[in-house]
Each structure stands twice: as structure tokens, then as C-alpha cells.
């Protein structure tokens, strides 16, 4: 939601978040999302990074000022978290929002942030899988026994659980083979089409074209049916260079959306480019008028 390192203070105020969240709901958008960067480096912030809020806390606030729109972590860096603490935070927001949470999760990529948080980046894949497994077990509301890296649970129970039975939907972020395999096991996939430079910076494989994306989506959905049965479904949302709607006409963007839909994409991620509340809301209004009303 906060797409700039120099976003104005009104965007991170009570009034500002309320205005943007209610606009998102009223204009017909499907979800509001917050990304996670608790301790980014100054270098990252000054070279394309952005400010961030704590996702569960920000989504809990948005739950109180909305009633329909889904509340999305985009994305929650699982290796940063103790799985029981993360499960409790997410289930609390899900309960207070009457079951509107969607979790987009990832392994993380910013080495300086891993170091600041005391997490071994070399273990990020192991920690990701462990955290997700334990979170889903905790959401069942039953006793969990688990021994793993840094944790030892002896018949612990997390109550109250989330409003959604079994927990919120899980979408896996990232483009690589391992991310696609994980996405097939869960509810959705959230790839990036941002070009080689951006994907290199975020430590994921490049998706250079919509044709390549279409092949990857077909692969993920076929694997999901193999692993979870013939009725398995995989929701796909995507972020592309046009997500900010910069330097592109409405006709070009409409063609882009049609091509993504043909490739199998279910949802397109919009990133308001505004540096303050008025510019962000203005962008959301223009985009909704041009594309959501369809």
C-alpha cells in the first residue's frame, strides 16, 4: 500500500489509512494489502524500497473501518516469525474481520533485514516451510506437538482460532520452481512480472512475458490437481510493471488485462503511486472508473 520511501505522513496516519481503506472498499476493489519490511536498510529504502507498516496490525485497523473488502498480507515473510505468534496474529485479525483475511507469504530476500532480525538467511526455505506447516496446524484449534528449528511444542493449543475454518487462504509469492511447487500445495500463487533487474533484486526467477506466465500458471494448476486431487483450484494474482499505471494509456492497459486473463490470471494487483492521501485516492478513483466498472 505504501509504495514510496518518501510517502507523506498522512498516508500512515489514522485518518489517512481510514480514507484510503474506505475508498478501496467503496470503489469496488477486492482487497487491501500491506507488505512486510520491519527492518530494511537505508540503502534499500533509497534505491527503490518503500516504507511499511506491520501487516497484521494495519489490517486489524482496516478491519474496523471496512466490512466487505478482503484483508491481505502481501506478503508476510514467514522466516521472520515464530509460527505460533504469527498464527495468533493472523487468526486475531481474521476473527475480528469475520473471516476476511488472505495470507500471501514468502521467504524474503533482503539480507540486511535477516541480519537485523537475527535470522539465518541460509535457512529461509527451511524456516518458511516449518512456519507455514505449524501455522496451519495451530489454526485447527487442536493440540500441536512439533519439534523443529528453534521451536519445541509439547501439545500446545492456540485458541480462539481464526473465523475461517482451517485458517485463511494461503497464496505463495515468488516465481521460482520451489515457489510454484509450494503454490500447488496451497490455495494460490502470487508471481511477479517486473523484469530481470527487479526479480534479481528480490531473489526470484524472471517471468519475462505473459506467454511465459501462462505456461507457469498451467504448470502450477496441473501440479495442484496431481497433488490435491482433480478438483483442486489455484488462485493466481499478479504484479506487473503496469500495476502502477505509469506511462501507459487506458487502451494499452485494458489490452494488458485481457492478455493476463487469457493467461489464467484471476486478479491484478494495483499499486497507487501517490505520495499522499489525496493523490492515492485520486488514482484509485480513476482506475476504478476506467476498469472496475466493467
C-alpha atoms as a PDB file:
ATOM      1  CA  UNK A   1       0.000   0.000   0.000  1.00  0.00           C
ATOM      2  CA  UNK A   2       2.815   2.435   0.801  1.00  0.00           C
ATOM      3  CA  UNK A   3       4.794   2.427  -2.413  1.00  0.00           C
ATOM      4  CA  UNK A   4       7.469   5.049  -1.760  1.00  0.00           C
ATOM      5  CA  UNK A   5      10.243   5.555   0.741  1.00  0.00           C
ATOM      6  CA  UNK A   6       9.247   9.203   0.984  1.00  0.00           C
ATOM      7  CA  UNK A   7       5.474   8.798   1.280  1.00  0.00           C
ATOM      8  CA  UNK A   8       3.817  11.625   3.167  1.00  0.00           C
ATOM      9  CA  UNK A   9       2.987  11.249   6.858  1.00  0.00           C
ATOM     10  CA  UNK A  10      -0.744  11.491   6.101  1.00  0.00           C
ATOM     11  CA  UNK A  11      -0.577   8.055   4.450  1.00  0.00           C
ATOM     12  CA  UNK A  12       0.450   6.473   7.737  1.00  0.00           C
ATOM     13  CA  UNK A  13      -1.996   8.321   9.968  1.00  0.00           C
ATOM     14  CA  UNK A  14      -5.293   7.149  11.414  1.00  0.00           C
ATOM     15  CA  UNK A  15      -7.258   9.495   9.193  1.00  0.00           C
ATOM     16  CA  UNK A  16      -5.196   8.650   6.113  1.00  0.00           C
ATOM     17  CA  UNK A  17      -5.456   4.897   6.393  1.00  0.00           C
ATOM     18  CA  UNK A  18      -9.178   5.230   7.109  1.00  0.00           C
ATOM     19  CA  UNK A  19      -9.696   7.357   3.985  1.00  0.00           C
ATOM     20  CA  UNK A  20      -7.743   5.029   1.705  1.00  0.00           C
ATOM     21  CA  UNK A  21      -9.246   1.821   3.112  1.00  0.00           C
ATOM     22  CA  UNK A  22     -12.827   3.073   2.848  1.00  0.00           C
ATOM     23  CA  UNK A  23     -12.164   4.319  -0.696  1.00  0.00           C
ATOM     24  CA  UNK A  24     -10.833   0.895  -1.677  1.00  0.00           C
ATOM     25  CA  UNK A  25     -13.987  -0.734  -0.357  1.00  0.00           C
ATOM     26  CA  UNK A  26     -16.436   1.788  -1.794  1.00  0.00           C
ATOM     27  CA  UNK A  27     -14.822   1.779  -5.249  1.00  0.00           C
ATOM     28  CA  UNK A  28     -15.200  -1.989  -5.639  1.00  0.00           C
ATOM     29  CA  UNK A  29     -11.661  -3.270  -5.175  1.00  0.00           C
ATOM     30  CA  UNK A  30     -11.397  -6.820  -3.876  1.00  0.00           C
ATOM     31  CA  UNK A  31      -8.688  -6.429  -1.222  1.00  0.00           C
ATOM     32  CA  UNK A  32      -6.369  -4.096   0.626  1.00  0.00           C
ATOM     33  CA  UNK A  33      -2.822  -5.288   1.243  1.00  0.00           C
ATOM     34  CA  UNK A  34       0.243  -4.411   3.298  1.00  0.00           C
ATOM     35  CA  UNK A  35       3.765  -5.697   2.736  1.00  0.00           C
ATOM     36  CA  UNK A  36       6.319  -6.516   5.415  1.00  0.00           C
ATOM     37  CA  UNK A  37       9.705  -4.868   5.917  1.00  0.00           C
ATOM     38  CA  UNK A  38      10.300  -4.430   9.663  1.00  0.00           C
ATOM     39  CA  UNK A  39      13.994  -3.502   9.409  1.00  0.00           C
ATOM     40  CA  UNK A  40      15.093  -2.595   5.876  1.00  0.00           C
ATOM     41  CA  UNK A  41      18.446  -0.989   5.211  1.00  0.00           C
ATOM     42  CA  UNK A  42      18.757   2.701   4.393  1.00  0.00           C
ATOM     43  CA  UNK A  43      20.380   1.730   1.082  1.00  0.00           C
ATOM     44  CA  UNK A  44      17.334  -0.355   0.129  1.00  0.00           C
ATOM     45  CA  UNK A  45      14.964   2.467   1.027  1.00  0.00           C
ATOM     46  CA  UNK A  46      16.924   4.948  -1.061  1.00  0.00           C
ATOM     47  CA  UNK A  47      17.119   2.631  -4.094  1.00  0.00           C
ATOM     48  CA  UNK A  48      13.521   1.726  -4.844  1.00  0.00           C
ATOM     49  CA  UNK A  49      12.413   0.490  -1.435  1.00  0.00           C
ATOM     50  CA  UNK A  50       9.394   1.712   0.479  1.00  0.00           C
ATOM     51  CA  UNK A  51       8.063   2.380   3.936  1.00  0.00           C
ATOM     52  CA  UNK A  52       5.893  -0.293   5.562  1.00  0.00           C
ATOM     53  CA  UNK A  53       3.547  -0.884   8.453  1.00  0.00           C
ATOM     54  CA  UNK A  54       3.189  -4.070  10.477  1.00  0.00           C
ATOM     55  CA  UNK A  55       0.771  -6.076   8.302  1.00  0.00           C
ATOM     56  CA  UNK A  56      -1.419  -7.748  10.984  1.00  0.00           C
ATOM     57  CA  UNK A  57      -1.721  -4.512  12.977  1.00  0.00           C
ATOM     58  CA  UNK A  58      -2.533  -2.428   9.884  1.00  0.00           C
ATOM     59  CA  UNK A  59      -5.044  -4.995   8.644  1.00  0.00           C
ATOM     60  CA  UNK A  60      -6.714  -5.128  12.059  1.00  0.00           C
ATOM     61  CA  UNK A  61      -7.223  -1.362  11.832  1.00  0.00           C
ATOM     62  CA  UNK A  62      -8.639  -1.711   8.311  1.00  0.00           C
ATOM     63  CA  UNK A  63     -10.980  -4.457   9.525  1.00  0.00           C
ATOM     64  CA  UNK A  64     -12.550  -1.950  11.900  1.00  0.00           C
ATOM     65  CA  UNK A  65     -13.270   0.654   9.213  1.00  0.00           C
ATOM     66  CA  UNK A  66     -14.474  -1.698   6.431  1.00  0.00           C
ATOM     67  CA  UNK A  67     -16.990  -4.513   6.134  1.00  0.00           C
ATOM     68  CA  UNK A  68     -16.523  -6.196   2.726  1.00  0.00           C
ATOM     69  CA  UNK A  69     -13.018  -5.852   1.324  1.00  0.00           C
ATOM     70  CA  UNK A  70     -10.566  -8.678   1.967  1.00  0.00           C
ATOM     71  CA  UNK A  71      -7.513  -8.049   4.130  1.00  0.00           C
ATOM     72  CA  UNK A  72      -4.286  -9.345   2.622  1.00  0.00           C
ATOM     73  CA  UNK A  73      -0.713  -9.761   3.770  1.00  0.00           C
ATOM     74  CA  UNK A  74       1.267  -9.080   0.633  1.00  0.00           C
ATOM     75  CA  UNK A  75       3.491 -10.573   1.598  1.00  0.00           C
ATOM     76  CA  UNK A  76       4.283 -11.894   5.072  1.00  0.00           C
ATOM     77  CA  UNK A  77       7.915 -13.024   5.335  1.00  0.00           C
ATOM     78  CA  UNK A  78       7.460 -16.271   7.239  1.00  0.00           C
ATOM     79  CA  UNK A  79      11.117 -16.896   8.228  1.00  0.00           C
ATOM     80  CA  UNK A  80      10.995 -13.713  10.327  1.00  0.00           C
ATOM     81  CA  UNK A  81       8.314 -15.148  12.617  1.00  0.00           C
ATOM     82  CA  UNK A  82       7.754 -17.671  15.349  1.00  0.00           C
ATOM     83  CA  UNK A  83       4.931 -19.740  13.812  1.00  0.00           C
ATOM     84  CA  UNK A  84       2.690 -19.672  16.877  1.00  0.00           C
ATOM     85  CA  UNK A  85       2.978 -15.896  17.264  1.00  0.00           C
ATOM     86  CA  UNK A  86       2.270 -15.393  13.549  1.00  0.00           C
ATOM     87  CA  UNK A  87      -0.676 -17.789  13.652  1.00  0.00           C
ATOM     88  CA  UNK A  88      -2.157 -15.920  16.614  1.00  0.00           C
ATOM     89  CA  UNK A  89      -1.752 -12.506  14.981  1.00  0.00           C
ATOM     90  CA  UNK A  90      -3.392 -13.649  11.750  1.00  0.00           C
ATOM     91  CA  UNK A  91      -6.201 -15.555  13.448  1.00  0.00           C
ATOM     92  CA  UNK A  92      -6.979 -12.489  15.590  1.00  0.00           C
ATOM     93  CA  UNK A  93      -7.386 -10.284  12.513  1.00  0.00           C
ATOM     94  CA  UNK A  94      -9.421 -12.987  10.777  1.00  0.00           C
ATOM     95  CA  UNK A  95     -11.767 -13.276  13.754  1.00  0.00           C
ATOM     96  CA  UNK A  96     -12.251  -9.532  14.131  1.00  0.00           C
ATOM     97  CA  UNK A  97     -12.896  -9.157  10.376  1.00  0.00           C
ATOM     98  CA  UNK A  98     -15.433 -12.011  10.196  1.00  0.00           C
ATOM     99  CA  UNK A  99     -13.118 -14.139   8.079  1.00  0.00           C
ATOM    100  CA  UNK A 100     -11.757 -11.672   5.525  1.00  0.00           C
ATOM    101  CA  UNK A 101      -8.014 -12.422   5.723  1.00  0.00           C
ATOM    102  CA  UNK A 102      -5.923 -13.788   2.848  1.00  0.00           C
ATOM    103  CA  UNK A 103      -2.270 -14.607   3.547  1.00  0.00           C
ATOM    104  CA  UNK A 104       0.273 -14.100   0.800  1.00  0.00           C
ATOM    105  CA  UNK A 105       3.534 -15.480   2.152  1.00  0.00           C
ATOM    106  CA  UNK A 106       7.145 -15.591   1.024  1.00  0.00           C
ATOM    107  CA  UNK A 107      10.676 -16.468   2.030  1.00  0.00           C
ATOM    108  CA  UNK A 108      12.113 -12.932   1.961  1.00  0.00           C
ATOM    109  CA  UNK A 109      15.141 -11.623   0.115  1.00  0.00           C
ATOM    110  CA  UNK A 110      16.719  -8.675   1.942  1.00  0.00           C
ATOM    111  CA  UNK A 111      19.905  -9.960   3.576  1.00  0.00           C
ATOM    112  CA  UNK A 112      20.409  -6.905   5.785  1.00  0.00           C
ATOM    113  CA  UNK A 113      16.923  -7.358   7.185  1.00  0.00           C
ATOM    114  CA  UNK A 114      17.529 -11.024   8.023  1.00  0.00           C
ATOM    115  CA  UNK A 115      20.708  -9.986   9.840  1.00  0.00           C
ATOM    116  CA  UNK A 116      18.945  -7.217  11.757  1.00  0.00           C
ATOM    117  CA  UNK A 117      16.278  -9.661  12.914  1.00  0.00           C
ATOM    118  CA  UNK A 118      18.772 -12.348  13.912  1.00  0.00           C
ATOM    119  CA  UNK A 119      17.506 -14.862  11.364  1.00  0.00           C
ATOM    120  CA  UNK A 120      19.901 -17.008   9.328  1.00  0.00           C
ATOM    121  CA  UNK A 121      19.049 -16.259   5.709  1.00  0.00           C
ATOM    122  CA  UNK A 122      20.592 -19.594   4.669  1.00  0.00           C
ATOM    123  CA  UNK A 123      17.709 -21.291   6.483  1.00  0.00           C
ATOM    124  CA  UNK A 124      14.947 -19.225   4.911  1.00  0.00           C
ATOM    125  CA  UNK A 125      13.444 -22.074   2.883  1.00  0.00           C
ATOM    126  CA  UNK A 126      13.525 -24.468   5.796  1.00  0.00           C
ATOM    127  CA  UNK A 127      12.025 -21.842   8.100  1.00  0.00           C
ATOM    128  CA  UNK A 128       9.367 -20.919   5.552  1.00  0.00           C
ATOM    129  CA  UNK A 129       8.111 -24.490   5.256  1.00  0.00           C
ATOM    130  CA  UNK A 130       8.247 -25.055   9.004  1.00  0.00           C
ATOM    131  CA  UNK A 131       6.427 -21.842   9.866  1.00  0.00           C
ATOM    132  CA  UNK A 132       3.660 -22.438   7.344  1.00  0.00           C
ATOM    133  CA  UNK A 133       3.176 -26.043   8.465  1.00  0.00           C
ATOM    134  CA  UNK A 134       2.948 -25.088  12.144  1.00  0.00           C
ATOM    135  CA  UNK A 135       0.669 -22.096  11.498  1.00  0.00           C
ATOM    136  CA  UNK A 136      -1.827 -24.279   9.683  1.00  0.00           C
ATOM    137  CA  UNK A 137      -1.740 -26.830  12.471  1.00  0.00           C
ATOM    138  CA  UNK A 138      -2.260 -24.123  15.076  1.00  0.00           C
ATOM    139  CA  UNK A 139      -5.281 -22.790  13.179  1.00  0.00           C
ATOM    140  CA  UNK A 140      -7.078 -26.110  13.663  1.00  0.00           C
ATOM    141  CA  UNK A 141      -7.544 -25.311  17.347  1.00  0.00           C
ATOM    142  CA  UNK A 142      -6.190 -28.697  18.383  1.00  0.00           C
ATOM    143  CA  UNK A 143      -3.114 -29.691  20.382  1.00  0.00           C
ATOM    144  CA  UNK A 144       0.102 -29.292  18.356  1.00  0.00           C
ATOM    145  CA  UNK A 145       3.231 -31.315  19.014  1.00  0.00           C
ATOM    146  CA  UNK A 146       6.189 -30.218  16.908  1.00  0.00           C
ATOM    147  CA  UNK A 147       9.962 -30.241  17.166  1.00  0.00           C
ATOM    148  CA  UNK A 148      11.890 -28.198  14.619  1.00  0.00           C
ATOM    149  CA  UNK A 149      14.426 -25.458  14.084  1.00  0.00           C
ATOM    150  CA  UNK A 150      14.258 -23.176  17.103  1.00  0.00           C
ATOM    151  CA  UNK A 151      10.933 -24.493  18.419  1.00  0.00           C
ATOM    152  CA  UNK A 152       9.693 -27.391  20.517  1.00  0.00           C
ATOM    153  CA  UNK A 153       5.942 -27.551  21.072  1.00  0.00           C
ATOM    154  CA  UNK A 154       4.519 -30.077  23.509  1.00  0.00           C
ATOM    155  CA  UNK A 155       0.770 -30.353  22.970  1.00  0.00           C
ATOM    156  CA  UNK A 156       0.161 -26.596  22.737  1.00  0.00           C
ATOM    157  CA  UNK A 157      -3.230 -25.189  21.712  1.00  0.00           C
ATOM    158  CA  UNK A 158      -3.989 -21.821  20.082  1.00  0.00           C
ATOM    159  CA  UNK A 159      -7.495 -20.585  20.927  1.00  0.00           C
ATOM    160  CA  UNK A 160      -9.536 -18.819  19.778  1.00  0.00           C
ATOM    161  CA  UNK A 161      -8.770 -19.808  16.219  1.00  0.00           C
ATOM    162  CA  UNK A 162      -9.494 -17.910  13.004  1.00  0.00           C
ATOM    163  CA  UNK A 163     -13.021 -17.328  11.748  1.00  0.00           C
ATOM    164  CA  UNK A 164     -12.297 -19.209   8.519  1.00  0.00           C
ATOM    165  CA  UNK A 165     -12.331 -22.927   9.141  1.00  0.00           C
ATOM    166  CA  UNK A 166      -8.798 -24.280   8.851  1.00  0.00           C
ATOM    167  CA  UNK A 167      -7.412 -20.764   8.568  1.00  0.00           C
ATOM    168  CA  UNK A 168      -7.204 -18.084   5.871  1.00  0.00           C
ATOM    169  CA  UNK A 169      -6.353 -18.949   2.259  1.00  0.00           C
ATOM    170  CA  UNK A 170      -2.614 -19.190   1.620  1.00  0.00           C
ATOM    171  CA  UNK A 171      -1.072 -17.759  -1.558  1.00  0.00           C
ATOM    172  CA  UNK A 172       2.641 -18.315  -2.130  1.00  0.00           C
ATOM    173  CA  UNK A 173       4.686 -15.447  -3.530  1.00  0.00           C
ATOM    174  CA  UNK A 174       7.690 -15.849  -5.838  1.00  0.00           C
ATOM    175  CA  UNK A 175       8.411 -17.025  -9.358  1.00  0.00           C
ATOM    176  CA  UNK A 176      10.860 -19.892  -8.966  1.00  0.00           C
ATOM    177  CA  UNK A 177      10.289 -23.621  -9.203  1.00  0.00           C
ATOM    178  CA  UNK A 178      10.124 -24.044  -5.433  1.00  0.00           C
ATOM    179  CA  UNK A 179       7.552 -21.270  -5.098  1.00  0.00           C
ATOM    180  CA  UNK A 180       5.415 -22.815  -7.828  1.00  0.00           C
ATOM    181  CA  UNK A 181       5.591 -26.218  -6.147  1.00  0.00           C
ATOM    182  CA  UNK A 182       4.524 -24.682  -2.841  1.00  0.00           C
ATOM    183  CA  UNK A 183       1.688 -22.773  -4.506  1.00  0.00           C
ATOM    184  CA  UNK A 184       0.339 -26.045  -5.899  1.00  0.00           C
ATOM    185  CA  UNK A 185       0.069 -27.379  -2.353  1.00  0.00           C
ATOM    186  CA  UNK A 186      -1.917 -24.430  -1.049  1.00  0.00           C
ATOM    187  CA  UNK A 187      -4.596 -22.045  -2.311  1.00  0.00           C
ATOM    188  CA  UNK A 188      -2.920 -19.641  -4.661  1.00  0.00           C
ATOM    189  CA  UNK A 189       0.130 -18.233  -6.398  1.00  0.00           C
ATOM    190  CA  UNK A 190       1.326 -14.617  -6.460  1.00  0.00           C
ATOM    191  CA  UNK A 191       4.064 -14.179  -9.093  1.00  0.00           C
ATOM    192  CA  UNK A 192       5.876 -11.018 -10.170  1.00  0.00           C
ATOM    193  CA  UNK A 193       6.369  -9.789 -13.724  1.00  0.00           C
ATOM    194  CA  UNK A 194       8.737  -6.909 -13.058  1.00  0.00           C
ATOM    195  CA  UNK A 195      11.696  -7.540 -15.336  1.00  0.00           C
ATOM    196  CA  UNK A 196      15.081  -9.128 -14.805  1.00  0.00           C
ATOM    197  CA  UNK A 197      16.536  -6.328 -12.660  1.00  0.00           C
ATOM    198  CA  UNK A 198      13.667  -6.368 -10.154  1.00  0.00           C
ATOM    199  CA  UNK A 199      13.447 -10.136  -9.935  1.00  0.00           C
ATOM    200  CA  UNK A 200      17.191 -10.361  -9.394  1.00  0.00           C
ATOM    201  CA  UNK A 201      16.911  -7.880  -6.536  1.00  0.00           C
ATOM    202  CA  UNK A 202      14.086  -9.908  -4.949  1.00  0.00           C
ATOM    203  CA  UNK A 203      15.966 -13.193  -5.472  1.00  0.00           C
ATOM    204  CA  UNK A 204      13.366 -14.885  -7.645  1.00  0.00           C
ATOM    205  CA  UNK A 205      13.252 -16.193 -11.213  1.00  0.00           C
ATOM    206  CA  UNK A 206      12.369 -13.855 -14.045  1.00  0.00           C
ATOM    207  CA  UNK A 207       8.997 -14.044 -15.797  1.00  0.00           C
ATOM    208  CA  UNK A 208       9.731 -12.113 -18.947  1.00  0.00           C
ATOM    209  CA  UNK A 209       6.452 -12.404 -20.854  1.00  0.00           C
ATOM    210  CA  UNK A 210       2.771 -13.157 -20.477  1.00  0.00           C
ATOM    211  CA  UNK A 211       3.275 -16.294 -22.578  1.00  0.00           C
ATOM    212  CA  UNK A 212       5.869 -17.483 -20.077  1.00  0.00           C
ATOM    213  CA  UNK A 213       3.480 -16.635 -17.241  1.00  0.00           C
ATOM    214  CA  UNK A 214       0.693 -18.623 -18.920  1.00  0.00           C
ATOM    215  CA  UNK A 215       2.937 -21.690 -19.139  1.00  0.00           C
ATOM    216  CA  UNK A 216       3.855 -21.356 -15.471  1.00  0.00           C
ATOM    217  CA  UNK A 217       0.223 -20.983 -14.396  1.00  0.00           C
ATOM    218  CA  UNK A 218      -0.753 -24.107 -16.340  1.00  0.00           C
ATOM    219  CA  UNK A 219       2.143 -25.950 -14.707  1.00  0.00           C
ATOM    220  CA  UNK A 220       1.111 -24.898 -11.186  1.00  0.00           C
ATOM    221  CA  UNK A 221      -2.530 -25.832 -11.721  1.00  0.00           C
ATOM    222  CA  UNK A 222      -1.651 -29.200 -13.231  1.00  0.00           C
ATOM    223  CA  UNK A 223       0.624 -29.945 -10.277  1.00  0.00           C
ATOM    224  CA  UNK A 224      -2.103 -28.870  -7.857  1.00  0.00           C
ATOM    225  CA  UNK A 225      -4.524 -31.366  -9.412  1.00  0.00           C
ATOM    226  CA  UNK A 226      -1.877 -34.063  -9.160  1.00  0.00           C
ATOM    227  CA  UNK A 227      -1.083 -33.313  -5.515  1.00  0.00           C
ATOM    228  CA  UNK A 228      -4.506 -32.319  -4.174  1.00  0.00           C
ATOM    229  CA  UNK A 229      -6.920 -34.089  -6.470  1.00  0.00           C
ATOM    230  CA  UNK A 230      -8.767 -33.369  -9.729  1.00  0.00           C
ATOM    231  CA  UNK A 231     -10.938 -30.642  -8.180  1.00  0.00           C
ATOM    232  CA  UNK A 232      -8.000 -28.668  -6.771  1.00  0.00           C
ATOM    233  CA  UNK A 233      -8.007 -24.980  -7.666  1.00  0.00           C
ATOM    234  CA  UNK A 234      -5.176 -22.448  -7.588  1.00  0.00           C
ATOM    235  CA  UNK A 235      -5.968 -18.750  -7.462  1.00  0.00           C
ATOM    236  CA  UNK A 236      -3.476 -16.529  -9.288  1.00  0.00           C
ATOM    237  CA  UNK A 237      -2.819 -12.827  -8.738  1.00  0.00           C
ATOM    238  CA  UNK A 238       0.000 -10.949 -10.415  1.00  0.00           C
ATOM    239  CA  UNK A 239       2.023  -7.762 -10.096  1.00  0.00           C
ATOM    240  CA  UNK A 240       3.381  -6.311 -13.355  1.00  0.00           C
ATOM    241  CA  UNK A 241       5.068  -3.058 -14.427  1.00  0.00           C
ATOM    242  CA  UNK A 242       1.595  -1.733 -15.268  1.00  0.00           C
ATOM    243  CA  UNK A 243       0.408  -2.165 -11.673  1.00  0.00           C
ATOM    244  CA  UNK A 244       1.365   1.467 -11.053  1.00  0.00           C
ATOM    245  CA  UNK A 245      -0.339   2.624 -14.300  1.00  0.00           C
ATOM    246  CA  UNK A 246       2.606   4.830 -15.200  1.00  0.00           C
ATOM    247  CA  UNK A 247       3.246   5.845 -18.802  1.00  0.00           C
ATOM    248  CA  UNK A 248       0.507   3.660 -20.257  1.00  0.00           C
ATOM    249  CA  UNK A 249      -2.800   4.538 -21.900  1.00  0.00           C
ATOM    250  CA  UNK A 250      -6.142   3.108 -20.849  1.00  0.00           C
ATOM    251  CA  UNK A 251      -6.363   1.171 -24.115  1.00  0.00           C
ATOM    252  CA  UNK A 252      -2.914  -0.347 -23.613  1.00  0.00           C
ATOM    253  CA  UNK A 253      -3.721  -1.279 -20.025  1.00  0.00           C
ATOM    254  CA  UNK A 254      -7.056  -2.827 -20.987  1.00  0.00           C
ATOM    255  CA  UNK A 255      -5.255  -4.968 -23.569  1.00  0.00           C
ATOM    256  CA  UNK A 256      -2.750  -5.939 -20.884  1.00  0.00           C
ATOM    257  CA  UNK A 257      -5.526  -7.034 -18.510  1.00  0.00           C
ATOM    258  CA  UNK A 258      -7.232  -9.075 -21.235  1.00  0.00           C
ATOM    259  CA  UNK A 259      -3.951 -10.823 -22.036  1.00  0.00           C
ATOM    260  CA  UNK A 260      -3.383 -11.644 -18.360  1.00  0.00           C
ATOM    261  CA  UNK A 261      -6.897 -13.043 -18.076  1.00  0.00           C
ATOM    262  CA  UNK A 262      -6.301 -15.219 -21.129  1.00  0.00           C
ATOM    263  CA  UNK A 263      -3.097 -16.461 -19.471  1.00  0.00           C
ATOM    264  CA  UNK A 264      -5.112 -17.634 -16.470  1.00  0.00           C
ATOM    265  CA  UNK A 265      -4.692 -14.721 -14.045  1.00  0.00           C
ATOM    266  CA  UNK A 266      -7.598 -14.193 -11.640  1.00  0.00           C
ATOM    267  CA  UNK A 267      -6.604 -10.892 -10.042  1.00  0.00           C
ATOM    268  CA  UNK A 268      -4.410  -7.942 -10.955  1.00  0.00           C
ATOM    269  CA  UNK A 269      -2.578  -6.025  -8.232  1.00  0.00           C
ATOM    270  CA  UNK A 270      -2.868  -2.232  -8.325  1.00  0.00           C
ATOM    271  CA  UNK A 271      -0.235  -0.088  -6.584  1.00  0.00           C
ATOM    272  CA  UNK A 272      -1.359   3.531  -6.148  1.00  0.00           C
ATOM    273  CA  UNK A 273       1.636   5.750  -6.988  1.00  0.00           C
ATOM    274  CA  UNK A 274       0.518   8.605  -4.776  1.00  0.00           C
ATOM    275  CA  UNK A 275       2.865  10.136  -2.202  1.00  0.00           C
ATOM    276  CA  UNK A 276      -0.028  11.303  -0.029  1.00  0.00           C
ATOM    277  CA  UNK A 277      -3.665  10.508   0.667  1.00  0.00           C
ATOM    278  CA  UNK A 278      -5.278  12.793  -1.965  1.00  0.00           C
ATOM    279  CA  UNK A 279      -3.069  11.518  -4.792  1.00  0.00           C
ATOM    280  CA  UNK A 280      -3.538   7.880  -3.760  1.00  0.00           C
ATOM    281  CA  UNK A 281      -7.322   8.199  -3.561  1.00  0.00           C
ATOM    282  CA  UNK A 282      -7.419  10.116  -6.848  1.00  0.00           C
ATOM    283  CA  UNK A 283      -5.512   7.313  -8.571  1.00  0.00           C
ATOM    284  CA  UNK A 284      -7.799   4.671  -7.064  1.00  0.00           C
ATOM    285  CA  UNK A 285     -10.851   6.588  -8.259  1.00  0.00           C
ATOM    286  CA  UNK A 286      -9.546   6.996 -11.823  1.00  0.00           C
ATOM    287  CA  UNK A 287      -8.543   3.345 -12.054  1.00  0.00           C
ATOM    288  CA  UNK A 288     -11.872   2.121 -10.687  1.00  0.00           C
ATOM    289  CA  UNK A 289     -13.839   4.317 -13.089  1.00  0.00           C
ATOM    290  CA  UNK A 290     -11.868   3.048 -16.064  1.00  0.00           C
ATOM    291  CA  UNK A 291     -11.582  -0.652 -15.230  1.00  0.00           C
ATOM    292  CA  UNK A 292     -13.575  -1.886 -12.245  1.00  0.00           C
ATOM    293  CA  UNK A 293     -16.907  -0.603 -13.540  1.00  0.00           C
ATOM    294  CA  UNK A 294     -16.533  -3.102 -16.407  1.00  0.00           C
END
